[in-house]
N, C-alpha and C. Protein backbone atom coordinates (compact mmCIF):
# COMPACT_ATOMS: atom_id res chain seq x y z
N MET A 1 -139.48 12.61 -70.96
CA MET A 1 -139.40 11.84 -69.92
C MET A 1 -137.97 12.64 -69.04
N LEU A 2 -137.87 12.53 -67.77
CA LEU A 2 -137.11 13.33 -66.96
C LEU A 2 -135.79 12.74 -67.12
N MET A 3 -135.05 13.16 -66.90
CA MET A 3 -133.55 12.28 -66.68
C MET A 3 -133.19 12.30 -65.15
N SER A 4 -132.70 11.10 -64.55
CA SER A 4 -132.62 11.39 -63.23
C SER A 4 -130.84 11.40 -63.03
N ASN A 5 -130.51 11.92 -61.88
CA ASN A 5 -129.09 12.10 -61.78
C ASN A 5 -128.56 10.79 -60.66
N THR A 6 -129.41 9.94 -60.66
CA THR A 6 -128.96 8.75 -59.86
C THR A 6 -128.07 7.92 -60.51
N ASP A 7 -127.01 7.41 -59.70
CA ASP A 7 -126.08 6.80 -60.16
C ASP A 7 -125.34 6.84 -61.53
N ARG A 8 -125.24 8.28 -61.92
CA ARG A 8 -124.42 8.98 -62.80
C ARG A 8 -123.31 9.88 -61.86
N PRO A 9 -122.04 9.71 -62.43
CA PRO A 9 -120.98 10.77 -61.87
C PRO A 9 -121.06 12.01 -62.35
N ALA A 10 -120.73 12.85 -61.28
CA ALA A 10 -121.03 14.38 -61.80
C ALA A 10 -119.49 14.71 -62.34
N ARG A 11 -119.40 15.95 -62.63
CA ARG A 11 -118.23 16.41 -63.14
C ARG A 11 -118.38 17.81 -62.83
N LEU A 12 -117.31 18.10 -61.30
CA LEU A 12 -117.37 19.40 -61.01
C LEU A 12 -116.14 20.32 -60.92
N HIS A 13 -115.92 21.54 -60.56
CA HIS A 13 -114.97 22.49 -60.61
C HIS A 13 -114.82 22.53 -59.41
N TYR A 14 -113.49 22.30 -58.83
CA TYR A 14 -113.31 22.40 -57.38
C TYR A 14 -112.58 23.70 -57.08
N MET A 15 -113.23 24.60 -56.17
CA MET A 15 -112.60 25.86 -55.86
C MET A 15 -112.51 25.71 -54.65
N ALA A 16 -111.63 26.94 -53.88
CA ALA A 16 -111.06 27.06 -52.68
C ALA A 16 -112.25 26.78 -51.35
N ASN A 17 -113.54 27.17 -51.64
CA ASN A 17 -114.18 27.23 -50.47
C ASN A 17 -115.59 26.48 -51.24
N GLY A 18 -115.59 25.60 -52.02
CA GLY A 18 -116.75 24.88 -52.63
C GLY A 18 -116.62 24.29 -53.88
N PHE A 19 -117.72 24.04 -54.62
CA PHE A 19 -117.36 23.27 -56.15
C PHE A 19 -118.25 24.02 -56.50
N ARG A 20 -118.32 23.76 -58.08
CA ARG A 20 -119.28 24.05 -59.07
C ARG A 20 -119.69 23.10 -59.81
N VAL A 21 -121.04 22.68 -60.22
CA VAL A 21 -121.34 21.39 -60.79
C VAL A 21 -121.37 21.76 -62.37
N LEU A 22 -120.45 21.21 -63.09
CA LEU A 22 -120.44 21.44 -64.53
C LEU A 22 -121.31 20.37 -65.35
N THR A 23 -121.70 19.23 -64.63
CA THR A 23 -122.30 18.17 -65.47
C THR A 23 -122.90 17.52 -63.93
N PRO A 24 -123.82 17.44 -63.97
CA PRO A 24 -125.03 17.06 -63.10
C PRO A 24 -124.74 15.59 -63.01
N GLY A 25 -125.01 15.36 -61.72
CA GLY A 25 -124.80 13.98 -61.08
C GLY A 25 -124.93 13.23 -59.88
N SER A 26 -124.83 12.41 -58.94
CA SER A 26 -125.11 12.03 -57.90
C SER A 26 -123.84 11.83 -57.10
N HIS A 27 -122.74 11.57 -57.49
CA HIS A 27 -121.61 11.28 -57.08
C HIS A 27 -120.65 11.82 -58.07
N VAL A 28 -119.14 11.54 -57.07
CA VAL A 28 -117.86 11.90 -58.00
C VAL A 28 -117.03 10.67 -57.49
N THR A 29 -115.96 9.99 -58.23
CA THR A 29 -115.11 8.95 -57.68
C THR A 29 -113.71 9.69 -56.93
N CYS A 30 -113.46 9.06 -56.00
CA CYS A 30 -111.82 9.13 -54.84
C CYS A 30 -111.04 8.94 -56.22
N ALA A 31 -110.05 9.71 -56.06
CA ALA A 31 -109.05 10.01 -56.91
C ALA A 31 -107.96 8.67 -55.99
N ILE A 32 -108.08 8.48 -55.24
CA ILE A 32 -107.15 7.46 -54.45
C ILE A 32 -107.63 6.13 -54.21
N SER A 33 -109.10 5.99 -53.71
CA SER A 33 -109.54 4.56 -53.35
C SER A 33 -110.24 4.22 -55.10
N GLY A 34 -111.07 5.26 -55.83
CA GLY A 34 -111.86 5.02 -56.49
C GLY A 34 -113.54 4.69 -56.19
N ALA A 35 -113.54 4.71 -54.64
CA ALA A 35 -114.80 4.70 -54.28
C ALA A 35 -115.67 5.81 -54.68
N ALA A 36 -117.16 5.74 -54.93
CA ALA A 36 -117.98 6.67 -55.07
C ALA A 36 -118.22 7.67 -53.81
N ILE A 37 -118.48 8.75 -54.03
CA ILE A 37 -118.54 9.80 -53.17
C ILE A 37 -119.86 10.47 -53.36
N ASP A 38 -120.96 10.32 -52.77
CA ASP A 38 -121.99 11.06 -52.88
C ASP A 38 -121.76 12.67 -52.84
N LEU A 39 -122.55 13.50 -53.81
CA LEU A 39 -122.12 14.94 -53.67
C LEU A 39 -122.27 15.60 -52.18
N ASP A 40 -123.14 14.98 -51.35
CA ASP A 40 -123.74 15.28 -50.28
C ASP A 40 -122.70 15.34 -49.11
N ASP A 41 -122.13 14.41 -49.37
CA ASP A 41 -120.70 13.73 -48.44
C ASP A 41 -119.66 14.07 -48.73
N LEU A 42 -119.47 14.93 -49.72
CA LEU A 42 -117.96 15.29 -50.36
C LEU A 42 -117.78 16.33 -49.50
N ARG A 43 -116.37 16.44 -48.56
CA ARG A 43 -115.67 17.15 -47.97
C ARG A 43 -114.28 17.75 -48.13
N TYR A 44 -113.44 16.68 -49.23
CA TYR A 44 -112.27 16.44 -49.09
C TYR A 44 -111.81 16.95 -50.80
N TRP A 45 -111.25 17.94 -51.45
CA TRP A 45 -110.66 17.71 -52.77
C TRP A 45 -109.71 18.90 -52.78
N SER A 46 -108.88 18.65 -53.70
CA SER A 46 -107.93 19.57 -54.05
C SER A 46 -108.10 20.44 -55.29
N VAL A 47 -108.14 21.35 -55.06
CA VAL A 47 -108.23 22.73 -55.96
C VAL A 47 -106.83 22.59 -57.10
N ALA A 48 -105.93 22.16 -56.71
CA ALA A 48 -104.90 22.33 -57.60
C ALA A 48 -104.65 21.11 -58.53
N ARG A 49 -105.28 19.95 -58.17
CA ARG A 49 -105.19 18.80 -59.12
C ARG A 49 -106.59 18.56 -59.41
N GLN A 50 -107.69 19.47 -58.95
CA GLN A 50 -109.28 18.89 -59.20
C GLN A 50 -109.21 17.64 -59.20
N GLU A 51 -109.32 17.11 -57.80
CA GLU A 51 -109.48 15.76 -57.51
C GLU A 51 -110.29 15.76 -55.90
N ALA A 52 -111.20 14.56 -56.52
CA ALA A 52 -111.89 14.75 -54.73
C ALA A 52 -111.48 13.14 -54.26
N TYR A 53 -111.86 13.49 -52.74
CA TYR A 53 -111.02 12.44 -51.57
C TYR A 53 -112.31 11.77 -51.19
N ALA A 54 -112.34 10.73 -50.68
CA ALA A 54 -113.05 10.34 -50.04
C ALA A 54 -113.25 10.58 -48.31
N ASP A 55 -111.89 11.04 -47.91
CA ASP A 55 -112.20 11.24 -46.65
C ASP A 55 -110.49 11.88 -46.60
N ALA A 56 -110.12 12.30 -45.34
CA ALA A 56 -109.28 12.87 -44.93
C ALA A 56 -107.98 12.03 -45.11
N ALA A 57 -108.04 11.12 -44.55
CA ALA A 57 -106.68 10.23 -45.11
C ALA A 57 -106.08 10.05 -46.42
N PHE A 58 -107.09 10.01 -47.53
CA PHE A 58 -107.04 9.72 -48.74
C PHE A 58 -106.46 11.09 -49.17
N ALA A 59 -107.24 12.19 -48.63
CA ALA A 59 -106.28 13.62 -49.00
C ALA A 59 -105.16 14.01 -48.50
N LEU A 60 -104.37 13.52 -47.63
CA LEU A 60 -103.50 13.51 -46.71
C LEU A 60 -102.30 12.46 -47.91
N GLU A 61 -102.93 11.47 -48.34
CA GLU A 61 -101.95 10.58 -48.95
C GLU A 61 -101.72 10.90 -50.32
N ALA A 62 -102.83 11.82 -51.00
CA ALA A 62 -102.64 12.59 -52.13
C ALA A 62 -101.59 13.37 -51.97
N GLU A 63 -101.98 14.03 -51.03
CA GLU A 63 -100.64 15.69 -50.88
C GLU A 63 -99.55 15.19 -50.57
N THR A 64 -98.98 13.78 -50.08
CA THR A 64 -97.80 13.43 -49.73
C THR A 64 -97.19 12.83 -51.02
N ARG A 65 -98.18 12.32 -52.13
CA ARG A 65 -97.65 11.45 -53.05
C ARG A 65 -96.96 12.86 -54.37
N GLY A 66 -97.57 13.79 -54.03
CA GLY A 66 -97.02 15.09 -54.99
C GLY A 66 -97.76 15.15 -56.15
């Protein structure tokens, strides 16, 4: 039986110009809001903190928190 990545969180390694999938899945979780982010919609992350963000406002909030 083939395993589907539907509704399973992915594990990623975030890099400056993209990310590498370490564990396949359909989404990651926003570090600030806890919202699921489809991998196709993922645009914001922190290389230093290895965190994903749902949008630019959450990325800015994470940056100002330190």
